[in-house]
Protein backbone atom coordinates (compact mmCIF):
# COMPACT_ATOMS: atom_id res chain seq x y z
CA MET A 1 11.17 3.12 -4.60
CA THR A 2 13.25 1.13 -7.04
CA GLN A 3 13.25 3.61 -9.92
CA PRO A 4 12.54 7.33 -9.86
CA VAL A 5 9.59 8.58 -11.88
CA VAL A 6 10.31 11.37 -14.36
CA ILE A 7 7.37 13.69 -14.98
CA ASP A 8 7.83 16.58 -17.42
CA GLY A 9 11.59 16.35 -16.92
CA THR A 10 11.34 16.49 -13.12
CA ILE A 11 12.53 13.54 -11.04
CA TYR A 12 10.18 12.21 -8.36
CA ASP A 13 12.33 9.84 -6.32
CA HIS A 14 9.94 9.09 -3.45
CA LEU A 15 6.44 7.66 -3.12
CA THR A 16 3.73 8.82 -0.79
CA ILE A 17 1.76 5.75 0.24
CA ASN A 18 -1.92 5.60 1.18
CA LEU A 19 -3.10 2.23 2.47
CA ALA A 20 -6.48 1.08 3.75
CA ILE A 21 -7.06 -2.44 5.06
CA SER A 22 -10.28 -4.16 6.07
CA THR A 23 -10.70 -7.65 7.45
CA LYS A 24 -13.95 -9.57 7.51
CA TYR A 25 -15.23 -13.04 8.27
CA ASP A 26 -17.55 -15.14 6.16
CA GLN A 27 -20.41 -17.30 7.46
CA ASN A 28 -17.95 -20.17 8.08
CA GLY A 29 -15.69 -18.01 10.24
CA ASP A 30 -12.95 -17.82 7.62
CA GLU A 31 -11.06 -14.53 7.58
CA ASP A 32 -10.83 -12.48 4.42
CA LEU A 33 -9.07 -9.23 3.75
CA SER A 34 -9.41 -6.36 1.33
CA PHE A 35 -7.02 -3.51 0.74
CA ALA A 36 -6.64 -0.36 -1.30
CA LEU A 37 -3.14 0.93 -1.99
CA ARG A 38 -2.34 4.25 -3.66
CA LEU A 39 1.20 5.28 -4.61
CA VAL A 40 1.82 8.95 -5.37
CA PRO A 41 5.06 10.18 -6.98
CA THR A 42 6.75 12.60 -4.57
CA ARG A 43 9.85 14.75 -4.67
CA MET A 44 11.54 16.94 -2.11
CA ASP A 45 11.96 20.63 -2.90
CA PRO A 46 14.25 22.71 -0.64
CA SER A 47 11.80 25.60 -0.44
CA LEU A 48 8.46 23.77 -0.74
CA GLY A 49 9.12 20.50 1.08
CA ALA A 50 7.31 17.44 -0.26
CA VAL A 51 5.78 17.97 -3.70
CA VAL A 52 3.40 15.33 -5.04
CA ASP A 53 1.91 14.71 -8.48
CA ASP A 54 -1.53 13.21 -7.90
CA SER A 55 -2.17 12.99 -11.64
CA LYS A 56 0.40 10.19 -11.88
CA ALA A 57 -0.77 8.23 -8.83
CA VAL A 58 -1.17 4.47 -9.21
CA GLY A 59 -3.78 2.48 -7.34
CA LEU A 60 -4.24 -1.18 -6.53
CA TYR A 61 -7.39 -2.59 -4.94
CA ARG A 62 -8.21 -6.14 -3.98
CA GLY A 63 -11.61 -6.88 -2.48
CA ARG A 64 -10.88 -10.47 -1.47
CA LEU A 65 -7.82 -12.60 -0.80
CA SER A 66 -8.88 -14.79 -3.70
CA GLU A 67 -8.36 -11.81 -6.05
CA LEU A 68 -4.62 -11.62 -5.40
CA ALA A 69 -3.00 -11.63 -8.82
CA ASP A 70 0.45 -13.04 -8.17
CA GLY A 71 3.06 -14.10 -5.65
CA ASP A 72 4.15 -10.52 -4.99
CA GLU A 73 0.61 -9.51 -3.99
CA GLN A 74 0.32 -12.62 -1.83
CA ALA A 75 3.64 -11.84 -0.11
CA PHE A 76 2.57 -8.21 0.42
CA THR A 77 -0.73 -9.28 1.98
CA SER A 78 0.94 -11.93 4.13
CA SER A 79 3.41 -9.32 5.42
CA LEU A 80 0.55 -6.95 6.25
CA ILE A 81 -1.35 -9.59 8.20
CA SER A 82 1.79 -10.75 10.00
CA GLY A 83 2.80 -7.20 10.89
CA ILE A 84 -0.64 -6.36 12.25
CA ASN A 85 -0.75 -9.58 14.28
CA ASN A 86 2.72 -8.87 15.73
CA LEU A 87 1.69 -5.34 16.67
CA LEU A 88 -1.49 -6.58 18.35
CA LYS A 89 0.42 -9.22 20.31
CA SER A 90 3.03 -6.70 21.45
CA LYS A 91 0.25 -4.41 22.71
CA GLY A 92 -1.49 -7.26 24.53
CA TYR A 93 -4.56 -7.56 22.30
């Protein structure tokens, strides 16, 4: 996290990340990918552990690679695909 989130005067300096990825192929055999990303402000409390504020969660969904909005989203998606491919290769798939 680059900047903490302040909610009602309390600092949330971590993010809990939820990520879902789906790949698919069109009729021409071209691969496409969709993803849903949810970032939830999180803070650590000595007595409670991780405390999240779901009301301030931010979501990003892209249903097709063609919907990527900018270079950052393209780089994120490229890293995901590369990481998954590297994992599959290392496991012999």
